[in-house]
Amino acid sequence: MKVVNSLKSAKTRHPDCRVVRRRGKVYVICKSNPRFKARQGGGAKKG
């Protein structure tokens, strides 16, 4: 998976891309073109 500088720019790559938050991570999901999947965050753990 390629690393993108910001997920906002990843969202604008395709009209079907959606930005969703799940379990503290931010994902870009794209049903019609799964090549555009991306993920950001998830380094910090709750303790």
PDB file of N, CA and C in Angstrom:
ATOM      1  N   MET A   1       0.849  -1.177   0.000  1.00  0.00           N
ATOM      2  CA  MET A   1       0.000   0.000   0.000  1.00  0.00           C
ATOM      3  C   MET A   1       0.895   1.241   0.000  1.00  0.00           C
ATOM      4  N   LYS A   2       0.639   2.150  -0.905  1.00  0.00           N
ATOM      5  CA  LYS A   2       1.448   3.352  -0.971  1.00  0.00           C
ATOM      6  C   LYS A   2       1.088   4.290   0.180  1.00  0.00           C
ATOM      7  N   VAL A   3       2.089   5.006   0.678  1.00  0.00           N
ATOM      8  CA  VAL A   3       1.858   5.944   1.767  1.00  0.00           C
ATOM      9  C   VAL A   3       1.536   7.310   1.164  1.00  0.00           C
ATOM     10  N   VAL A   4       0.439   7.877   1.613  1.00  0.00           N
ATOM     11  CA  VAL A   4       0.025   9.199   1.134  1.00  0.00           C
ATOM     12  C   VAL A   4       0.261  10.188   2.261  1.00  0.00           C
ATOM     13  N   ASN A   5       0.577  11.425   1.905  1.00  0.00           N
ATOM     14  CA  ASN A   5       0.880  12.409   2.929  1.00  0.00           C
ATOM     15  C   ASN A   5      -0.354  12.729   3.770  1.00  0.00           C
ATOM     16  N   SER A   6      -1.506  12.885   3.148  1.00  0.00           N
ATOM     17  CA  SER A   6      -2.727  13.126   3.906  1.00  0.00           C
ATOM     18  C   SER A   6      -3.858  12.312   3.300  1.00  0.00           C
ATOM     19  N   LEU A   7      -4.749  11.855   4.150  1.00  0.00           N
ATOM     20  CA  LEU A   7      -5.859  11.046   3.652  1.00  0.00           C
ATOM     21  C   LEU A   7      -6.901  11.908   2.961  1.00  0.00           C
ATOM     22  N   LYS A   8      -6.851  13.207   3.176  1.00  0.00           N
ATOM     23  CA  LYS A   8      -7.750  14.103   2.459  1.00  0.00           C
ATOM     24  C   LYS A   8      -7.431  14.058   0.962  1.00  0.00           C
ATOM     25  N   SER A   9      -6.155  14.009   0.619  1.00  0.00           N
ATOM     26  CA  SER A   9      -5.794  13.927  -0.794  1.00  0.00           C
ATOM     27  C   SER A   9      -6.133  12.552  -1.354  1.00  0.00           C
ATOM     28  N   ALA A  10      -6.101  11.530  -0.512  1.00  0.00           N
ATOM     29  CA  ALA A  10      -6.457  10.185  -0.970  1.00  0.00           C
ATOM     30  C   ALA A  10      -7.946  10.106  -1.290  1.00  0.00           C
ATOM     31  N   LYS A  11      -8.759  10.879  -0.571  1.00  0.00           N
ATOM     32  CA  LYS A  11     -10.198  10.848  -0.803  1.00  0.00           C
ATOM     33  C   LYS A  11     -10.538  11.440  -2.171  1.00  0.00           C
ATOM     34  N   THR A  12      -9.770  12.429  -2.609  1.00  0.00           N
ATOM     35  CA  THR A  12     -10.100  13.117  -3.857  1.00  0.00           C
ATOM     36  C   THR A  12      -9.615  12.356  -5.087  1.00  0.00           C
ATOM     37  N   ARG A  13      -8.987  11.190  -4.905  1.00  0.00           N
ATOM     38  CA  ARG A  13      -8.494  10.446  -6.062  1.00  0.00           C
ATOM     39  C   ARG A  13      -9.615   9.805  -6.870  1.00  0.00           C
ATOM     40  N   HIS A  14     -10.752   9.537  -6.214  1.00  0.00           N
ATOM     41  CA  HIS A  14     -11.827   8.823  -6.887  1.00  0.00           C
ATOM     42  C   HIS A  14     -13.141   9.275  -6.267  1.00  0.00           C
ATOM     43  N   PRO A  15     -14.200   9.410  -7.040  1.00  0.00           N
ATOM     44  CA  PRO A  15     -15.473   9.892  -6.463  1.00  0.00           C
ATOM     45  C   PRO A  15     -16.106   8.933  -5.461  1.00  0.00           C
ATOM     46  N   ASP A  16     -15.768   7.637  -5.516  1.00  0.00           N
ATOM     47  CA  ASP A  16     -16.385   6.670  -4.612  1.00  0.00           C
ATOM     48  C   ASP A  16     -15.643   6.514  -3.293  1.00  0.00           C
ATOM     49  N   CYS A  17     -14.518   7.198  -3.116  1.00  0.00           N
ATOM     50  CA  CYS A  17     -13.728   7.031  -1.896  1.00  0.00           C
ATOM     51  C   CYS A  17     -14.432   7.669  -0.706  1.00  0.00           C
ATOM     52  N   ARG A  18     -14.406   6.967   0.422  1.00  0.00           N
ATOM     53  CA  ARG A  18     -14.998   7.469   1.664  1.00  0.00           C
ATOM     54  C   ARG A  18     -13.949   7.436   2.760  1.00  0.00           C
ATOM     55  N   VAL A  19     -13.954   8.459   3.620  1.00  0.00           N
ATOM     56  CA  VAL A  19     -13.071   8.493   4.779  1.00  0.00           C
ATOM     57  C   VAL A  19     -13.884   8.058   5.985  1.00  0.00           C
ATOM     58  N   VAL A  20     -13.449   6.993   6.671  1.00  0.00           N
ATOM     59  CA  VAL A  20     -14.175   6.494   7.840  1.00  0.00           C
ATOM     60  C   VAL A  20     -13.201   6.337   8.990  1.00  0.00           C
ATOM     61  N   ARG A  21     -13.738   6.445  10.233  1.00  0.00           N
ATOM     62  CA  ARG A  21     -12.932   6.230  11.433  1.00  0.00           C
ATOM     63  C   ARG A  21     -13.397   4.951  12.103  1.00  0.00           C
ATOM     64  N   ARG A  22     -12.449   4.044  12.348  1.00  0.00           N
ATOM     65  CA  ARG A  22     -12.763   2.789  13.024  1.00  0.00           C
ATOM     66  C   ARG A  22     -11.668   2.487  14.025  1.00  0.00           C
ATOM     67  N   ARG A  23     -12.083   2.321  15.296  1.00  0.00           N
ATOM     68  CA  ARG A  23     -11.162   1.926  16.370  1.00  0.00           C
ATOM     69  C   ARG A  23      -9.921   2.824  16.445  1.00  0.00           C
ATOM     70  N   GLY A  24     -10.135   4.130  16.304  1.00  0.00           N
ATOM     71  CA  GLY A  24      -9.028   5.063  16.447  1.00  0.00           C
ATOM     72  C   GLY A  24      -8.167   5.229  15.213  1.00  0.00           C
ATOM     73  N   LYS A  25      -8.458   4.504  14.142  1.00  0.00           N
ATOM     74  CA  LYS A  25      -7.706   4.656  12.903  1.00  0.00           C
ATOM     75  C   LYS A  25      -8.593   5.332  11.865  1.00  0.00           C
ATOM     76  N   VAL A  26      -7.975   6.024  10.940  1.00  0.00           N
ATOM     77  CA  VAL A  26      -8.702   6.668   9.853  1.00  0.00           C
ATOM     78  C   VAL A  26      -8.428   5.876   8.586  1.00  0.00           C
ATOM     79  N   TYR A  27      -9.482   5.468   7.898  1.00  0.00           N
ATOM     80  CA  TYR A  27      -9.358   4.654   6.693  1.00  0.00           C
ATOM     81  C   TYR A  27      -9.964   5.381   5.507  1.00  0.00           C
ATOM     82  N   VAL A  28      -9.392   5.150   4.334  1.00  0.00           N
ATOM     83  CA  VAL A  28     -10.056   5.513   3.083  1.00  0.00           C
ATOM     84  C   VAL A  28     -10.469   4.206   2.441  1.00  0.00           C
ATOM     85  N   ILE A  29     -11.775   4.047   2.202  1.00  0.00           N
ATOM     86  CA  ILE A  29     -12.269   2.829   1.570  1.00  0.00           C
ATOM     87  C   ILE A  29     -12.893   3.208   0.239  1.00  0.00           C
ATOM     88  N   CYS A  30     -12.742   2.327  -0.729  1.00  0.00           N
ATOM     89  CA  CYS A  30     -13.275   2.576  -2.062  1.00  0.00           C
ATOM     90  C   CYS A  30     -13.787   1.256  -2.603  1.00  0.00           C
ATOM     91  N   LYS A  31     -15.112   1.137  -2.705  1.00  0.00           N
ATOM     92  CA  LYS A  31     -15.713  -0.134  -3.118  1.00  0.00           C
ATOM     93  C   LYS A  31     -15.425  -0.443  -4.583  1.00  0.00           C
ATOM     94  N   SER A  32     -15.494   0.576  -5.440  1.00  0.00           N
ATOM     95  CA  SER A  32     -15.375   0.300  -6.865  1.00  0.00           C
ATOM     96  C   SER A  32     -13.933   0.097  -7.297  1.00  0.00           C
ATOM     97  N   ASN A  33     -12.970   0.676  -6.557  1.00  0.00           N
ATOM     98  CA  ASN A  33     -11.562   0.505  -6.907  1.00  0.00           C
ATOM     99  C   ASN A  33     -10.760   0.281  -5.623  1.00  0.00           C
ATOM    100  N   PRO A  34     -10.621  -0.962  -5.169  1.00  0.00           N
ATOM    101  CA  PRO A  34      -9.960  -1.236  -3.881  1.00  0.00           C
ATOM    102  C   PRO A  34      -8.485  -0.863  -3.864  1.00  0.00           C
ATOM    103  N   ARG A  35      -7.941  -0.483  -4.998  1.00  0.00           N
ATOM    104  CA  ARG A  35      -6.547  -0.057  -5.055  1.00  0.00           C
ATOM    105  C   ARG A  35      -6.313   1.218  -4.244  1.00  0.00           C
ATOM    106  N   PHE A  36      -7.365   1.990  -4.014  1.00  0.00           N
ATOM    107  CA  PHE A  36      -7.239   3.271  -3.333  1.00  0.00           C
ATOM    108  C   PHE A  36      -7.395   3.161  -1.824  1.00  0.00           C
ATOM    109  N   LYS A  37      -7.351   1.939  -1.275  1.00  0.00           N
ATOM    110  CA  LYS A  37      -7.467   1.796   0.179  1.00  0.00           C
ATOM    111  C   LYS A  37      -6.273   2.448   0.870  1.00  0.00           C
ATOM    112  N   ALA A  38      -6.519   3.081   2.022  1.00  0.00           N
ATOM    113  CA  ALA A  38      -5.434   3.690   2.781  1.00  0.00           C
ATOM    114  C   ALA A  38      -5.804   3.672   4.257  1.00  0.00           C
ATOM    115  N   ARG A  39      -4.768   3.835   5.115  1.00  0.00           N
ATOM    116  CA  ARG A  39      -4.985   3.813   6.557  1.00  0.00           C
ATOM    117  C   ARG A  39      -4.044   4.815   7.197  1.00  0.00           C
ATOM    118  N   GLN A  40      -4.496   5.448   8.278  1.00  0.00           N
ATOM    119  CA  GLN A  40      -3.661   6.393   8.993  1.00  0.00           C
ATOM    120  C   GLN A  40      -3.947   6.283  10.479  1.00  0.00           C
ATOM    121  N   GLY A  41      -2.886   6.329  11.291  1.00  0.00           N
ATOM    122  CA  GLY A  41      -3.027   6.301  12.741  1.00  0.00           C
ATOM    123  C   GLY A  41      -2.897   4.889  13.287  1.00  0.00           C
ATOM    124  N   GLY A  42      -3.104   4.754  14.591  1.00  0.00           N
ATOM    125  CA  GLY A  42      -3.044   3.453  15.225  1.00  0.00           C
ATOM    126  C   GLY A  42      -1.733   3.174  15.927  1.00  0.00           C
ATOM    127  N   GLY A  43      -0.884   4.199  16.092  1.00  0.00           N
ATOM    128  CA  GLY A  43       0.385   3.964  16.770  1.00  0.00           C
ATOM    129  C   GLY A  43       0.279   3.976  18.273  1.00  0.00           C
ATOM    130  N   ALA A  44      -0.627   4.761  18.816  1.00  0.00           N
ATOM    131  CA  ALA A  44      -0.740   4.903  20.267  1.00  0.00           C
ATOM    132  C   ALA A  44      -1.661   3.836  20.836  1.00  0.00           C
ATOM    133  N   LYS A  45      -1.279   3.314  21.991  1.00  0.00           N
ATOM    134  CA  LYS A  45      -2.114   2.321  22.659  1.00  0.00           C
ATOM    135  C   LYS A  45      -2.644   2.910  23.962  1.00  0.00           C
ATOM    136  N   LYS A  46      -3.866   2.532  24.294  1.00  0.00           N
ATOM    137  CA  LYS A  46      -4.441   2.984  25.566  1.00  0.00           C
ATOM    138  C   LYS A  46      -3.892   2.113  26.693  1.00  0.00           C
ATOM    139  N   GLY A  47      -3.607   2.773  27.819  1.00  0.00           N
ATOM    140  CA  GLY A  47      -3.006   1.977  28.875  1.00  0.00           C
ATOM    141  C   GLY A  47      -3.510   2.235  30.244  1.00  0.00           C
TER     142      GLY A  47
END
